[in-house]
């Protein structure tokens, strides 16, 4: 029984690490396409 709980805990930590790593990757990834910015200086269009 204790061995099963240990394996379950290790699998849960591995899954948690994979999910957090993917979220970090998605957050840091640069978007492709065109970025339109409307600010105090007017309209700005940048191609990424």
PDB file of N, CA and C in Angstrom:
ATOM      1  N   UNK A   1       0.825  -1.192   0.000  1.00  0.00           N
ATOM      2  CA  UNK A   1       0.000   0.000   0.000  1.00  0.00           C
ATOM      3  C   UNK A   1       0.871   1.259   0.000  1.00  0.00           C
ATOM      4  N   UNK A   2       1.918   1.299   0.831  1.00  0.00           N
ATOM      5  CA  UNK A   2       2.782   2.468   0.900  1.00  0.00           C
ATOM      6  C   UNK A   2       3.515   2.698  -0.413  1.00  0.00           C
ATOM      7  N   UNK A   3       3.880   1.605  -1.084  1.00  0.00           N
ATOM      8  CA  UNK A   3       4.590   1.724  -2.353  1.00  0.00           C
ATOM      9  C   UNK A   3       3.681   2.357  -3.417  1.00  0.00           C
ATOM     10  N   UNK A   4       2.405   1.992  -3.425  1.00  0.00           N
ATOM     11  CA  UNK A   4       1.454   2.559  -4.381  1.00  0.00           C
ATOM     12  C   UNK A   4       1.259   4.057  -4.157  1.00  0.00           C
ATOM     13  N   UNK A   5       1.206   4.458  -2.901  1.00  0.00           N
ATOM     14  CA  UNK A   5       1.058   5.880  -2.576  1.00  0.00           C
ATOM     15  C   UNK A   5       2.294   6.648  -3.028  1.00  0.00           C
ATOM     16  N   UNK A   6       3.470   6.093  -2.844  1.00  0.00           N
ATOM     17  CA  UNK A   6       4.711   6.742  -3.273  1.00  0.00           C
ATOM     18  C   UNK A   6       4.736   6.899  -4.789  1.00  0.00           C
ATOM     19  N   UNK A   7       4.357   5.875  -5.517  1.00  0.00           N
ATOM     20  CA  UNK A   7       4.328   5.941  -6.983  1.00  0.00           C
ATOM     21  C   UNK A   7       3.302   6.974  -7.435  1.00  0.00           C
ATOM     22  N   UNK A   8       2.146   7.008  -6.788  1.00  0.00           N
ATOM     23  CA  UNK A   8       1.110   7.978  -7.118  1.00  0.00           C
ATOM     24  C   UNK A   8       1.609   9.408  -6.884  1.00  0.00           C
ATOM     25  N   UNK A   9       2.313   9.634  -5.780  1.00  0.00           N
ATOM     26  CA  UNK A   9       2.832  10.962  -5.467  1.00  0.00           C
ATOM     27  C   UNK A   9       3.886  11.386  -6.495  1.00  0.00           C
ATOM     28  N   UNK A  10       4.753  10.480  -6.899  1.00  0.00           N
ATOM     29  CA  UNK A  10       5.785  10.795  -7.899  1.00  0.00           C
ATOM     30  C   UNK A  10       5.137  11.124  -9.241  1.00  0.00           C
ATOM     31  N   UNK A  11       4.135  10.357  -9.639  1.00  0.00           N
ATOM     32  CA  UNK A  11       3.428  10.629 -10.901  1.00  0.00           C
ATOM     33  C   UNK A  11       2.719  11.972 -10.852  1.00  0.00           C
ATOM     34  N   UNK A  12       2.100  12.290  -9.723  1.00  0.00           N
ATOM     35  CA  UNK A  12       1.398  13.567  -9.583  1.00  0.00           C
ATOM     36  C   UNK A  12       2.381  14.729  -9.686  1.00  0.00           C
ATOM     37  N   UNK A  13       3.552  14.611  -9.073  1.00  0.00           N
ATOM     38  CA  UNK A  13       4.563  15.666  -9.166  1.00  0.00           C
ATOM     39  C   UNK A  13       5.089  15.811 -10.585  1.00  0.00           C
ATOM     40  N   UNK A  14       5.259  14.700 -11.293  1.00  0.00           N
ATOM     41  CA  UNK A  14       5.722  14.754 -12.677  1.00  0.00           C
ATOM     42  C   UNK A  14       4.695  15.446 -13.567  1.00  0.00           C
ATOM     43  N   UNK A  15       3.428  15.129 -13.373  1.00  0.00           N
ATOM     44  CA  UNK A  15       2.368  15.763 -14.162  1.00  0.00           C
ATOM     45  C   UNK A  15       2.286  17.249 -13.841  1.00  0.00           C
ATOM     46  N   UNK A  16       2.381  17.593 -12.576  1.00  0.00           N
ATOM     47  CA  UNK A  16       2.358  18.994 -12.166  1.00  0.00           C
ATOM     48  C   UNK A  16       3.524  19.763 -12.794  1.00  0.00           C
ATOM     49  N   UNK A  17       4.705  19.181 -12.791  1.00  0.00           N
ATOM     50  CA  UNK A  17       5.862  19.822 -13.412  1.00  0.00           C
ATOM     51  C   UNK A  17       5.682  20.020 -14.906  1.00  0.00           C
ATOM     52  N   UNK A  18       5.099  19.040 -15.579  1.00  0.00           N
ATOM     53  CA  UNK A  18       4.857  19.158 -17.022  1.00  0.00           C
ATOM     54  C   UNK A  18       3.850  20.259 -17.324  1.00  0.00           C
ATOM     55  N   UNK A  19       2.797  20.337 -16.539  1.00  0.00           N
ATOM     56  CA  UNK A  19       1.774  21.369 -16.755  1.00  0.00           C
ATOM     57  C   UNK A  19       2.352  22.759 -16.506  1.00  0.00           C
ATOM     58  N   UNK A  20       3.094  22.919 -15.433  1.00  0.00           N
ATOM     59  CA  UNK A  20       3.690  24.227 -15.140  1.00  0.00           C
ATOM     60  C   UNK A  20       4.730  24.617 -16.188  1.00  0.00           C
ATOM     61  N   UNK A  21       5.505  23.664 -16.662  1.00  0.00           N
ATOM     62  CA  UNK A  21       6.480  23.938 -17.709  1.00  0.00           C
ATOM     63  C   UNK A  21       5.814  24.372 -19.001  1.00  0.00           C
ATOM     64  N   UNK A  22       4.716  23.730 -19.368  1.00  0.00           N
ATOM     65  CA  UNK A  22       3.995  24.100 -20.585  1.00  0.00           C
ATOM     66  C   UNK A  22       3.392  25.501 -20.449  1.00  0.00           C
ATOM     67  N   UNK A  23       2.845  25.826 -19.294  1.00  0.00           N
ATOM     68  CA  UNK A  23       2.281  27.155 -19.081  1.00  0.00           C
ATOM     69  C   UNK A  23       3.364  28.227 -19.181  1.00  0.00           C
ATOM     70  N   UNK A  24       4.530  27.964 -18.636  1.00  0.00           N
ATOM     71  CA  UNK A  24       5.637  28.907 -18.729  1.00  0.00           C
ATOM     72  C   UNK A  24       6.085  29.079 -20.169  1.00  0.00           C
ATOM     73  N   UNK A  25       6.139  27.986 -20.914  1.00  0.00           N
ATOM     74  CA  UNK A  25       6.507  28.045 -22.335  1.00  0.00           C
ATOM     75  C   UNK A  25       5.508  28.893 -23.116  1.00  0.00           C
ATOM     76  N   UNK A  26       4.226  28.682 -22.899  1.00  0.00           N
ATOM     77  CA  UNK A  26       3.198  29.435 -23.609  1.00  0.00           C
ATOM     78  C   UNK A  26       3.252  30.924 -23.248  1.00  0.00           C
ATOM     79  N   UNK A  27       3.569  31.237 -22.003  1.00  0.00           N
ATOM     80  CA  UNK A  27       3.630  32.621 -21.560  1.00  0.00           C
ATOM     81  C   UNK A  27       4.796  33.369 -22.208  1.00  0.00           C
ATOM     82  N   UNK A  28       5.917  32.699 -22.381  1.00  0.00           N
ATOM     83  CA  UNK A  28       7.110  33.349 -22.925  1.00  0.00           C
ATOM     84  C   UNK A  28       7.180  33.339 -24.447  1.00  0.00           C
ATOM     85  N   UNK A  29       6.329  32.547 -25.093  1.00  0.00           N
ATOM     86  CA  UNK A  29       6.356  32.447 -26.549  1.00  0.00           C
ATOM     87  C   UNK A  29       5.868  33.745 -27.167  1.00  0.00           C
ATOM     88  N   UNK A  30       6.570  34.233 -28.183  1.00  0.00           N
ATOM     89  CA  UNK A  30       6.200  35.459 -28.862  1.00  0.00           C
ATOM     90  C   UNK A  30       5.078  35.192 -29.858  1.00  0.00           C
ATOM     91  N   UNK A  31       4.063  36.036 -29.883  1.00  0.00           N
ATOM     92  CA  UNK A  31       2.991  35.843 -30.850  1.00  0.00           C
ATOM     93  C   UNK A  31       3.456  36.185 -32.267  1.00  0.00           C
ATOM     94  N   UNK A  32       2.935  35.468 -33.257  1.00  0.00           N
ATOM     95  CA  UNK A  32       3.243  35.745 -34.644  1.00  0.00           C
ATOM     96  C   UNK A  32       2.165  36.660 -35.219  1.00  0.00           C
ATOM     97  N   UNK A  33       2.529  37.412 -36.247  1.00  0.00           N
ATOM     98  CA  UNK A  33       1.543  38.237 -36.932  1.00  0.00           C
ATOM     99  C   UNK A  33       1.788  39.706 -36.728  1.00  0.00           C
ATOM    100  N   UNK A  34       0.714  40.466 -36.631  1.00  0.00           N
ATOM    101  CA  UNK A  34       0.763  41.912 -36.540  1.00  0.00           C
ATOM    102  C   UNK A  34       0.263  42.332 -35.168  1.00  0.00           C
ATOM    103  N   UNK A  35       0.957  43.315 -34.588  1.00  0.00           N
ATOM    104  CA  UNK A  35       0.549  43.840 -33.298  1.00  0.00           C
ATOM    105  C   UNK A  35       0.137  45.296 -33.490  1.00  0.00           C
ATOM    106  N   UNK A  36      -1.061  45.628 -33.064  1.00  0.00           N
ATOM    107  CA  UNK A  36      -1.569  46.997 -33.175  1.00  0.00           C
ATOM    108  C   UNK A  36      -1.647  47.587 -31.777  1.00  0.00           C
ATOM    109  N   UNK A  37      -0.990  48.738 -31.591  1.00  0.00           N
ATOM    110  CA  UNK A  37      -0.937  49.386 -30.289  1.00  0.00           C
ATOM    111  C   UNK A  37      -1.536  50.780 -30.416  1.00  0.00           C
ATOM    112  N   UNK A  38      -2.531  51.072 -29.578  1.00  0.00           N
ATOM    113  CA  UNK A  38      -3.114  52.418 -29.527  1.00  0.00           C
ATOM    114  C   UNK A  38      -2.726  53.001 -28.177  1.00  0.00           C
ATOM    115  N   UNK A  39      -1.954  54.067 -28.219  1.00  0.00           N
ATOM    116  CA  UNK A  39      -1.472  54.665 -26.981  1.00  0.00           C
ATOM    117  C   UNK A  39      -1.494  56.182 -27.060  1.00  0.00           C
ATOM    118  N   UNK A  40      -0.883  56.813 -26.101  1.00  0.00           N
ATOM    119  CA  UNK A  40      -0.863  58.276 -26.076  1.00  0.00           C
ATOM    120  C   UNK A  40      -0.146  58.879 -27.280  1.00  0.00           C
ATOM    121  N   UNK A  41       0.786  58.131 -27.864  1.00  0.00           N
ATOM    122  CA  UNK A  41       1.509  58.631 -29.030  1.00  0.00           C
ATOM    123  C   UNK A  41       0.793  58.384 -30.340  1.00  0.00           C
ATOM    124  N   UNK A  42      -0.388  57.781 -30.290  1.00  0.00           N
ATOM    125  CA  UNK A  42      -1.148  57.505 -31.504  1.00  0.00           C
ATOM    126  C   UNK A  42      -1.202  56.020 -31.794  1.00  0.00           C
ATOM    127  N   UNK A  43      -1.392  55.673 -33.062  1.00  0.00           N
ATOM    128  CA  UNK A  43      -1.546  54.306 -33.516  1.00  0.00           C
ATOM    129  C   UNK A  43      -0.193  53.773 -33.976  1.00  0.00           C
ATOM    130  N   UNK A  44       0.150  52.577 -33.534  1.00  0.00           N
ATOM    131  CA  UNK A  44       1.409  51.951 -33.905  1.00  0.00           C
ATOM    132  C   UNK A  44       1.121  50.530 -34.374  1.00  0.00           C
ATOM    133  N   UNK A  45       1.678  50.168 -35.540  1.00  0.00           N
ATOM    134  CA  UNK A  45       1.504  48.819 -36.092  1.00  0.00           C
ATOM    135  C   UNK A  45       2.873  48.197 -36.261  1.00  0.00           C
ATOM    136  N   UNK A  46       3.082  47.026 -35.658  1.00  0.00           N
ATOM    137  CA  UNK A  46       4.361  46.323 -35.751  1.00  0.00           C
ATOM    138  C   UNK A  46       4.123  44.934 -36.293  1.00  0.00           C
ATOM    139  N   UNK A  47       4.988  44.517 -37.222  1.00  0.00           N
ATOM    140  CA  UNK A  47       4.920  43.168 -37.742  1.00  0.00           C
ATOM    141  C   UNK A  47       5.892  42.298 -36.949  1.00  0.00           C
ATOM    142  N   UNK A  48       5.419  41.186 -36.451  1.00  0.00           N
ATOM    143  CA  UNK A  48       6.244  40.286 -35.638  1.00  0.00           C
ATOM    144  C   UNK A  48       6.652  39.097 -36.448  1.00  0.00           C
TER     145      UNK A  48
END
